[in-house]
Amino acid sequence: MADTSEEIEAQIERLRDIAETLEDGDIGLAEAKRLRDEADDLLETLREVLETDDGRIIEVDPDEQED
């Protein structure tokens, strides 16, 4: 199993990819709905992990974040 911070980073990156795809608007309605559902699932998972991660702090490097 991957480290929790690595899992979180991967999920956030996937959310960014989904957002970019949806913003481009070059997809059909069915694909947009599938991506929205995937994003909702990822967000729910992240909420659960961040709320119950045994009080561990996960450091985020601001230089690695995109604007």
N, C-alpha and C. Protein backbone atom coordinates (compact mmCIF):
# COMPACT_ATOMS: atom_id res chain seq x y z
N MET A 1 0.83 -1.18 0.00
CA MET A 1 0.00 0.00 0.00
C MET A 1 0.88 1.25 0.00
N ALA A 2 0.52 2.22 -0.80
CA ALA A 2 1.31 3.43 -0.91
C ALA A 2 1.16 4.27 0.35
N ASP A 3 2.13 5.11 0.58
CA ASP A 3 2.09 6.05 1.70
C ASP A 3 0.88 6.96 1.55
N THR A 4 0.24 7.31 2.66
CA THR A 4 -0.96 8.13 2.64
C THR A 4 -0.75 9.44 1.90
N SER A 5 0.37 10.11 2.13
CA SER A 5 0.62 11.39 1.45
C SER A 5 0.75 11.19 -0.05
N GLU A 6 1.31 10.08 -0.47
CA GLU A 6 1.42 9.80 -1.91
C GLU A 6 0.05 9.54 -2.50
N GLU A 7 -0.80 8.84 -1.76
CA GLU A 7 -2.17 8.59 -2.22
C GLU A 7 -2.93 9.89 -2.36
N ILE A 8 -2.79 10.76 -1.37
CA ILE A 8 -3.47 12.05 -1.41
C ILE A 8 -3.00 12.87 -2.60
N GLU A 9 -1.70 12.92 -2.81
CA GLU A 9 -1.15 13.66 -3.94
C GLU A 9 -1.68 13.12 -5.26
N ALA A 10 -1.75 11.82 -5.40
CA ALA A 10 -2.25 11.21 -6.63
C ALA A 10 -3.73 11.54 -6.85
N GLN A 11 -4.50 11.52 -5.76
CA GLN A 11 -5.92 11.85 -5.88
C GLN A 11 -6.13 13.31 -6.24
N ILE A 12 -5.33 14.19 -5.66
CA ILE A 12 -5.43 15.61 -5.99
C ILE A 12 -5.04 15.84 -7.44
N GLU A 13 -4.01 15.17 -7.89
CA GLU A 13 -3.59 15.31 -9.29
C GLU A 13 -4.69 14.82 -10.24
N ARG A 14 -5.34 13.72 -9.88
CA ARG A 14 -6.44 13.21 -10.70
C ARG A 14 -7.59 14.22 -10.73
N LEU A 15 -7.88 14.84 -9.58
CA LEU A 15 -8.92 15.87 -9.56
C LEU A 15 -8.56 17.04 -10.47
N ARG A 16 -7.30 17.42 -10.48
CA ARG A 16 -6.86 18.49 -11.39
C ARG A 16 -7.07 18.09 -12.86
N ASP A 17 -6.71 16.85 -13.17
CA ASP A 17 -6.89 16.36 -14.54
C ASP A 17 -8.37 16.38 -14.94
N ILE A 18 -9.22 15.94 -14.02
CA ILE A 18 -10.66 15.93 -14.30
C ILE A 18 -11.16 17.35 -14.51
N ALA A 19 -10.74 18.28 -13.64
CA ALA A 19 -11.18 19.67 -13.76
C ALA A 19 -10.76 20.26 -15.11
N GLU A 20 -9.53 19.99 -15.53
CA GLU A 20 -9.05 20.50 -16.81
C GLU A 20 -9.87 19.93 -17.96
N THR A 21 -10.16 18.65 -17.90
CA THR A 21 -10.95 18.01 -18.96
C THR A 21 -12.34 18.61 -19.02
N LEU A 22 -12.96 18.79 -17.87
CA LEU A 22 -14.31 19.37 -17.84
C LEU A 22 -14.30 20.82 -18.30
N GLU A 23 -13.27 21.56 -17.94
CA GLU A 23 -13.18 22.96 -18.35
C GLU A 23 -12.99 23.11 -19.85
N ASP A 24 -12.28 22.16 -20.45
CA ASP A 24 -12.07 22.20 -21.90
C ASP A 24 -13.38 22.09 -22.66
N GLY A 25 -14.32 21.32 -22.11
CA GLY A 25 -15.64 21.20 -22.71
C GLY A 25 -15.70 20.39 -23.99
N ASP A 26 -14.64 19.68 -24.33
CA ASP A 26 -14.60 18.90 -25.57
C ASP A 26 -15.01 17.45 -25.35
N ILE A 27 -15.92 17.20 -24.41
CA ILE A 27 -16.37 15.85 -24.13
C ILE A 27 -17.89 15.83 -24.13
N GLY A 28 -18.43 14.65 -24.28
CA GLY A 28 -19.87 14.49 -24.29
C GLY A 28 -20.45 14.52 -22.89
N LEU A 29 -21.76 14.63 -22.85
CA LEU A 29 -22.46 14.70 -21.57
C LEU A 29 -22.25 13.45 -20.72
N ALA A 30 -22.29 12.28 -21.33
CA ALA A 30 -22.11 11.03 -20.58
C ALA A 30 -20.71 10.97 -19.95
N GLU A 31 -19.69 11.37 -20.70
CA GLU A 31 -18.32 11.36 -20.18
C GLU A 31 -18.18 12.42 -19.08
N ALA A 32 -18.79 13.57 -19.25
CA ALA A 32 -18.74 14.62 -18.23
C ALA A 32 -19.37 14.12 -16.93
N LYS A 33 -20.48 13.42 -17.05
CA LYS A 33 -21.13 12.88 -15.85
C LYS A 33 -20.26 11.84 -15.18
N ARG A 34 -19.63 10.97 -15.97
CA ARG A 34 -18.75 9.95 -15.41
C ARG A 34 -17.58 10.60 -14.66
N LEU A 35 -17.00 11.63 -15.26
CA LEU A 35 -15.89 12.32 -14.62
C LEU A 35 -16.34 13.04 -13.35
N ARG A 36 -17.53 13.64 -13.40
CA ARG A 36 -18.07 14.32 -12.21
C ARG A 36 -18.28 13.31 -11.08
N ASP A 37 -18.81 12.15 -11.41
CA ASP A 37 -19.01 11.12 -10.40
C ASP A 37 -17.68 10.65 -9.82
N GLU A 38 -16.69 10.49 -10.67
CA GLU A 38 -15.35 10.10 -10.21
C GLU A 38 -14.78 11.16 -9.28
N ALA A 39 -14.93 12.42 -9.65
CA ALA A 39 -14.43 13.52 -8.82
C ALA A 39 -15.14 13.54 -7.47
N ASP A 40 -16.45 13.33 -7.48
CA ASP A 40 -17.20 13.30 -6.22
C ASP A 40 -16.68 12.18 -5.31
N ASP A 41 -16.41 11.02 -5.88
CA ASP A 41 -15.88 9.89 -5.11
C ASP A 41 -14.50 10.21 -4.54
N LEU A 42 -13.65 10.83 -5.36
CA LEU A 42 -12.31 11.21 -4.89
C LEU A 42 -12.40 12.23 -3.75
N LEU A 43 -13.27 13.21 -3.90
CA LEU A 43 -13.42 14.22 -2.85
C LEU A 43 -13.92 13.61 -1.55
N GLU A 44 -14.84 12.69 -1.63
CA GLU A 44 -15.35 12.02 -0.43
C GLU A 44 -14.24 11.23 0.25
N THR A 45 -13.45 10.53 -0.54
CA THR A 45 -12.33 9.76 0.00
C THR A 45 -11.32 10.68 0.68
N LEU A 46 -11.00 11.80 0.03
CA LEU A 46 -10.06 12.75 0.61
C LEU A 46 -10.60 13.34 1.92
N ARG A 47 -11.87 13.66 1.95
CA ARG A 47 -12.46 14.19 3.19
C ARG A 47 -12.31 13.18 4.32
N GLU A 48 -12.61 11.93 4.04
CA GLU A 48 -12.50 10.89 5.06
C GLU A 48 -11.07 10.73 5.55
N VAL A 49 -10.12 10.71 4.63
CA VAL A 49 -8.72 10.53 5.00
C VAL A 49 -8.22 11.72 5.82
N LEU A 50 -8.55 12.91 5.37
CA LEU A 50 -8.05 14.10 6.07
C LEU A 50 -8.71 14.31 7.42
N GLU A 51 -9.93 13.83 7.59
CA GLU A 51 -10.61 13.97 8.87
C GLU A 51 -10.20 12.91 9.88
N THR A 52 -9.71 11.76 9.42
CA THR A 52 -9.45 10.64 10.32
C THR A 52 -8.04 10.09 10.19
N ASP A 53 -7.09 10.91 9.84
CA ASP A 53 -5.74 10.41 9.60
C ASP A 53 -4.89 10.40 10.86
N ASP A 54 -5.51 10.03 11.97
CA ASP A 54 -4.79 9.85 13.24
C ASP A 54 -3.96 11.07 13.64
N GLY A 55 -4.36 12.26 13.23
CA GLY A 55 -3.68 13.47 13.64
C GLY A 55 -2.35 13.72 12.96
N ARG A 56 -2.01 12.91 11.97
CA ARG A 56 -0.75 13.14 11.27
C ARG A 56 -0.87 14.36 10.38
N ILE A 57 0.22 15.11 10.28
CA ILE A 57 0.25 16.29 9.42
C ILE A 57 0.94 15.92 8.13
N ILE A 58 0.32 16.31 7.04
CA ILE A 58 0.90 16.04 5.73
C ILE A 58 1.40 17.36 5.17
N GLU A 59 2.68 17.42 4.89
CA GLU A 59 3.29 18.64 4.41
C GLU A 59 3.10 18.77 2.90
N VAL A 60 2.73 19.96 2.47
CA VAL A 60 2.55 20.24 1.06
C VAL A 60 3.57 21.29 0.67
N ASP A 61 4.33 21.01 -0.36
CA ASP A 61 5.34 21.94 -0.85
C ASP A 61 4.66 22.94 -1.78
N PRO A 62 4.56 24.22 -1.40
CA PRO A 62 3.85 25.20 -2.23
C PRO A 62 4.52 25.40 -3.59
N ASP A 63 5.79 25.10 -3.72
CA ASP A 63 6.48 25.23 -5.00
C ASP A 63 6.02 24.19 -6.00
N GLU A 64 5.45 23.08 -5.52
CA GLU A 64 4.99 22.02 -6.40
C GLU A 64 3.55 22.21 -6.83
N GLN A 65 2.81 23.14 -6.21
CA GLN A 65 1.42 23.36 -6.54
C GLN A 65 1.33 24.25 -7.77
N GLU A 66 0.31 23.91 -8.59
CA GLU A 66 0.05 24.71 -9.79
C GLU A 66 -0.96 25.77 -9.46
N ASP A 67 -0.91 26.87 -10.18
CA ASP A 67 -1.92 27.93 -10.01
C ASP A 67 -3.09 27.68 -10.90
